[in-house]
C-alpha atoms as a PDB file:
ATOM      1  CA  MET A   1       0.037  -0.132   0.146  1.00  0.00           C
ATOM      2  CA  LYS A   2       1.605   3.755  -0.621  1.00  0.00           C
ATOM      3  CA  PHE A   3       1.077   6.056   2.049  1.00  0.00           C
ATOM      4  CA  LEU A   4       2.606   9.683   2.587  1.00  0.00           C
ATOM      5  CA  ALA A   5       3.138  10.295   6.065  1.00  0.00           C
ATOM      6  CA  ASP A   6       3.156  13.550   7.280  1.00  0.00           C
ATOM      7  CA  GLU A   7       6.090  15.470   9.275  1.00  0.00           C
ATOM      8  CA  CYS A   8       3.647  15.443  12.632  1.00  0.00           C
ATOM      9  CA  CYS A   9       3.478  11.717  12.325  1.00  0.00           C
ATOM     10  CA  ASP A  10       5.649   9.452  14.498  1.00  0.00           C
ATOM     11  CA  ALA A  11       8.585   8.177  13.010  1.00  0.00           C
ATOM     12  CA  GLN A  12       8.539   4.686  14.644  1.00  0.00           C
ATOM     13  CA  VAL A  13       4.834   4.517  12.425  1.00  0.00           C
ATOM     14  CA  VAL A  14       6.588   4.984   9.667  1.00  0.00           C
ATOM     15  CA  SER A  15       9.539   2.778   9.983  1.00  0.00           C
ATOM     16  CA  LEU A  16       6.700  -0.156  11.299  1.00  0.00           C
ATOM     17  CA  LEU A  17       4.554   0.371   8.144  1.00  0.00           C
ATOM     18  CA  ARG A  18       7.930   0.379   6.036  1.00  0.00           C
ATOM     19  CA  SER A  19       9.066  -2.861   8.147  1.00  0.00           C
ATOM     20  CA  GLN A  20       5.737  -4.541   6.171  1.00  0.00           C
ATOM     21  CA  ARG A  21       6.478  -3.534   3.125  1.00  0.00           C
ATOM     22  CA  HIS A  22       4.145  -0.263   2.782  1.00  0.00           C
ATOM     23  CA  ASP A  23       5.731   2.134   0.300  1.00  0.00           C
ATOM     24  CA  VAL A  24       5.751   5.222   2.551  1.00  0.00           C
ATOM     25  CA  LEU A  25       7.217   8.439   1.633  1.00  0.00           C
ATOM     26  CA  TYR A  26       8.091  11.004   4.971  1.00  0.00           C
ATOM     27  CA  VAL A  27       7.908  14.632   4.697  1.00  0.00           C
ATOM     28  CA  THR A  28      10.292  15.336   7.111  1.00  0.00           C
ATOM     29  CA  GLU A  29      12.671  13.389   4.575  1.00  0.00           C
ATOM     30  CA  PHE A  30      11.989  14.724   1.898  1.00  0.00           C
ATOM     31  CA  LYS A  31      10.354  18.258   2.265  1.00  0.00           C
ATOM     32  CA  PRO A  32      10.379  19.479   5.675  1.00  0.00           C
ATOM     33  CA  GLY A  33       8.307  22.308   6.545  1.00  0.00           C
ATOM     34  CA  ALA A  34       6.190  21.707   3.476  1.00  0.00           C
ATOM     35  CA  LEU A  35       2.624  23.200   3.656  1.00  0.00           C
ATOM     36  CA  ASP A  36      -0.176  20.941   4.344  1.00  0.00           C
ATOM     37  CA  GLU A  37      -1.184  21.877   0.963  1.00  0.00           C
ATOM     38  CA  GLU A  38       1.213  20.497  -0.938  1.00  0.00           C
ATOM     39  CA  VAL A  39       1.605  17.804   1.001  1.00  0.00           C
ATOM     40  CA  LEU A  40      -2.071  16.796   0.337  1.00  0.00           C
ATOM     41  CA  LYS A  41      -1.334  17.838  -3.356  1.00  0.00           C
ATOM     42  CA  LYS A  42       1.245  15.005  -3.148  1.00  0.00           C
ATOM     43  CA  ALA A  43      -0.569  12.335  -2.017  1.00  0.00           C
ATOM     44  CA  PHE A  44      -3.087  12.720  -4.653  1.00  0.00           C
ATOM     45  CA  ASN A  45      -1.092  13.469  -7.265  1.00  0.00           C
ATOM     46  CA  GLU A  46       0.571  10.068  -6.730  1.00  0.00           C
ATOM     47  CA  LYS A  47      -2.537   8.080  -5.130  1.00  0.00           C
ATOM     48  CA  ARG A  48      -0.976   7.586  -1.911  1.00  0.00           C
ATOM     49  CA  ILE A  49      -3.372   7.565   1.767  1.00  0.00           C
ATOM     50  CA  LEU A  50      -2.109  10.951   3.364  1.00  0.00           C
ATOM     51  CA  LEU A  51      -0.956   9.345   6.915  1.00  0.00           C
ATOM     52  CA  THR A  52      -1.500  12.669   9.433  1.00  0.00           C
ATOM     53  CA  GLU A  53      -1.482  13.643  13.090  1.00  0.00           C
ATOM     54  CA  ASP A  54      -2.907  17.097  12.380  1.00  0.00           C
ATOM     55  CA  LYS A  55      -6.690  18.020  12.155  1.00  0.00           C
ATOM     56  CA  ASP A  56      -6.350  20.399   9.445  1.00  0.00           C
ATOM     57  CA  PHE A  57      -6.362  18.294   7.082  1.00  0.00           C
ATOM     58  CA  GLY A  58     -10.134  18.122   7.409  1.00  0.00           C
ATOM     59  CA  GLU A  59     -10.697  21.691   6.568  1.00  0.00           C
ATOM     60  CA  LEU A  60      -8.544  21.885   3.403  1.00  0.00           C
ATOM     61  CA  VAL A  61     -11.023  18.645   2.046  1.00  0.00           C
ATOM     62  CA  TYR A  62     -14.060  19.603   3.463  1.00  0.00           C
ATOM     63  CA  ARG A  63     -14.355  23.309   3.895  1.00  0.00           C
ATOM     64  CA  LEU A  64     -11.656  24.579   0.753  1.00  0.00           C
ATOM     65  CA  LYS A  65     -12.741  21.472  -1.217  1.00  0.00           C
ATOM     66  CA  LYS A  66      -8.940  20.333  -2.058  1.00  0.00           C
ATOM     67  CA  PRO A  67      -8.925  17.108  -3.649  1.00  0.00           C
ATOM     68  CA  ALA A  68      -7.862  13.948  -1.672  1.00  0.00           C
ATOM     69  CA  TYR A  69      -6.904  10.375  -2.540  1.00  0.00           C
ATOM     70  CA  GLY A  70      -7.708   9.187   1.115  1.00  0.00           C
ATOM     71  CA  ILE A  71      -6.644  10.588   4.919  1.00  0.00           C
ATOM     72  CA  ILE A  72      -5.866   8.862   7.892  1.00  0.00           C
ATOM     73  CA  LEU A  73      -6.047  10.863  11.042  1.00  0.00           C
ATOM     74  CA  LEU A  74      -4.441   9.827  13.722  1.00  0.00           C
ATOM     75  CA  ARG A  75      -5.892  10.876  17.177  1.00  0.00           C
ATOM     76  CA  PHE A  76      -4.078   9.579  20.363  1.00  0.00           C
ATOM     77  CA  GLU A  77      -3.338  10.991  23.849  1.00  0.00           C
ATOM     78  CA  VAL A  78       0.151  11.070  24.626  1.00  0.00           C
ATOM     79  CA  SER A  79      -0.347   8.506  27.255  1.00  0.00           C
ATOM     80  CA  GLU A  80      -1.947   6.152  24.290  1.00  0.00           C
ATOM     81  CA  ARG A  81       0.838   6.792  21.747  1.00  0.00           C
ATOM     82  CA  HIS A  82       1.942   2.816  22.215  1.00  0.00           C
ATOM     83  CA  LEU A  83      -1.532   1.913  20.384  1.00  0.00           C
ATOM     84  CA  LYS A  84      -1.185   3.853  17.647  1.00  0.00           C
ATOM     85  CA  TRP A  85       0.622   0.908  15.731  1.00  0.00           C
ATOM     86  CA  PRO A  86      -1.868  -1.782  16.811  1.00  0.00           C
ATOM     87  CA  ARG A  87      -4.945   0.591  15.896  1.00  0.00           C
ATOM     88  CA  LEU A  88      -3.065   1.411  12.798  1.00  0.00           C
ATOM     89  CA  MET A  89      -2.340  -2.359  11.255  1.00  0.00           C
ATOM     90  CA  GLU A  90      -5.928  -3.016  12.424  1.00  0.00           C
ATOM     91  CA  LEU A  91      -7.245  -1.030  10.129  1.00  0.00           C
ATOM     92  CA  ILE A  92      -5.616  -1.940   7.281  1.00  0.00           C
ATOM     93  CA  HIS A  93      -5.986  -5.545   7.769  1.00  0.00           C
ATOM     94  CA  HIS A  94      -9.674  -5.063   8.343  1.00  0.00           C
ATOM     95  CA  HIS A  95     -10.394  -2.274   6.135  1.00  0.00           C
ATOM     96  CA  SER A  96      -8.142  -1.790   3.081  1.00  0.00           C
ATOM     97  CA  SER A  97     -11.208  -1.522   0.790  1.00  0.00           C
ATOM     98  CA  LYS A  98     -12.285   1.597   2.404  1.00  0.00           C
ATOM     99  CA  LEU A  99      -8.911   3.786   2.759  1.00  0.00           C
ATOM    100  CA  GLU A 100      -9.027   5.339  -0.895  1.00  0.00           C
ATOM    101  CA  GLY A 101     -11.685   7.872  -1.070  1.00  0.00           C
ATOM    102  CA  HIS A 102     -12.525   8.136   2.690  1.00  0.00           C
ATOM    103  CA  PHE A 103     -11.091  10.516   5.579  1.00  0.00           C
ATOM    104  CA  ILE A 104     -10.586   7.803   8.300  1.00  0.00           C
ATOM    105  CA  VAL A 105     -10.294   8.715  12.005  1.00  0.00           C
ATOM    106  CA  VAL A 106      -8.637   6.501  14.247  1.00  0.00           C
ATOM    107  CA  ASP A 107      -8.586   6.594  17.795  1.00  0.00           C
ATOM    108  CA  ILE A 108      -8.624   3.767  21.174  1.00  0.00           C
ATOM    109  CA  GLU A 109     -12.012   2.826  20.627  1.00  0.00           C
ATOM    110  CA  LYS A 110     -13.120   3.114  16.638  1.00  0.00           C
ATOM    111  CA  PHE A 111     -12.774   4.030  13.140  1.00  0.00           C
ATOM    112  CA  ARG A 112     -15.232   6.708  11.714  1.00  0.00           C
ATOM    113  CA  PHE A 113     -14.963   6.985   8.014  1.00  0.00           C
ATOM    114  CA  ARG A 114     -16.156   9.612   6.173  1.00  0.00           C
ATOM    115  CA  PRO A 115     -16.292  10.088   2.143  1.00  0.00           C
ATOM    116  CA  LEU A 116     -14.231  12.094   0.638  1.00  0.00           C
ATOM    117  CA  ARG A 117     -16.409  13.257  -1.819  1.00  0.00           C
END
């Protein structure tokens, strides 16, 4: 699966995704400080699922109507940080067909899917 990880994403999650043979571009490695709109556009143009912890992407796609391929927003408190990876893996394993075309919020209790279009 192809992902673009926003620079706010946990580097360990990026590393673990790569260890599972996912194709992951990490903003921190190729364009630190990139604007959210640039990141969103790159993910869309390359048909990558955007992985982020930044709620601002919701505003870009819903209020400003910017195109997106798919977005996963990880919403975890600092004390829940250790749960990011298992919850992300659960999402990928059980809902991979729904990643494209959805804005998905992942937390410790549920996955919330909202269509992008």
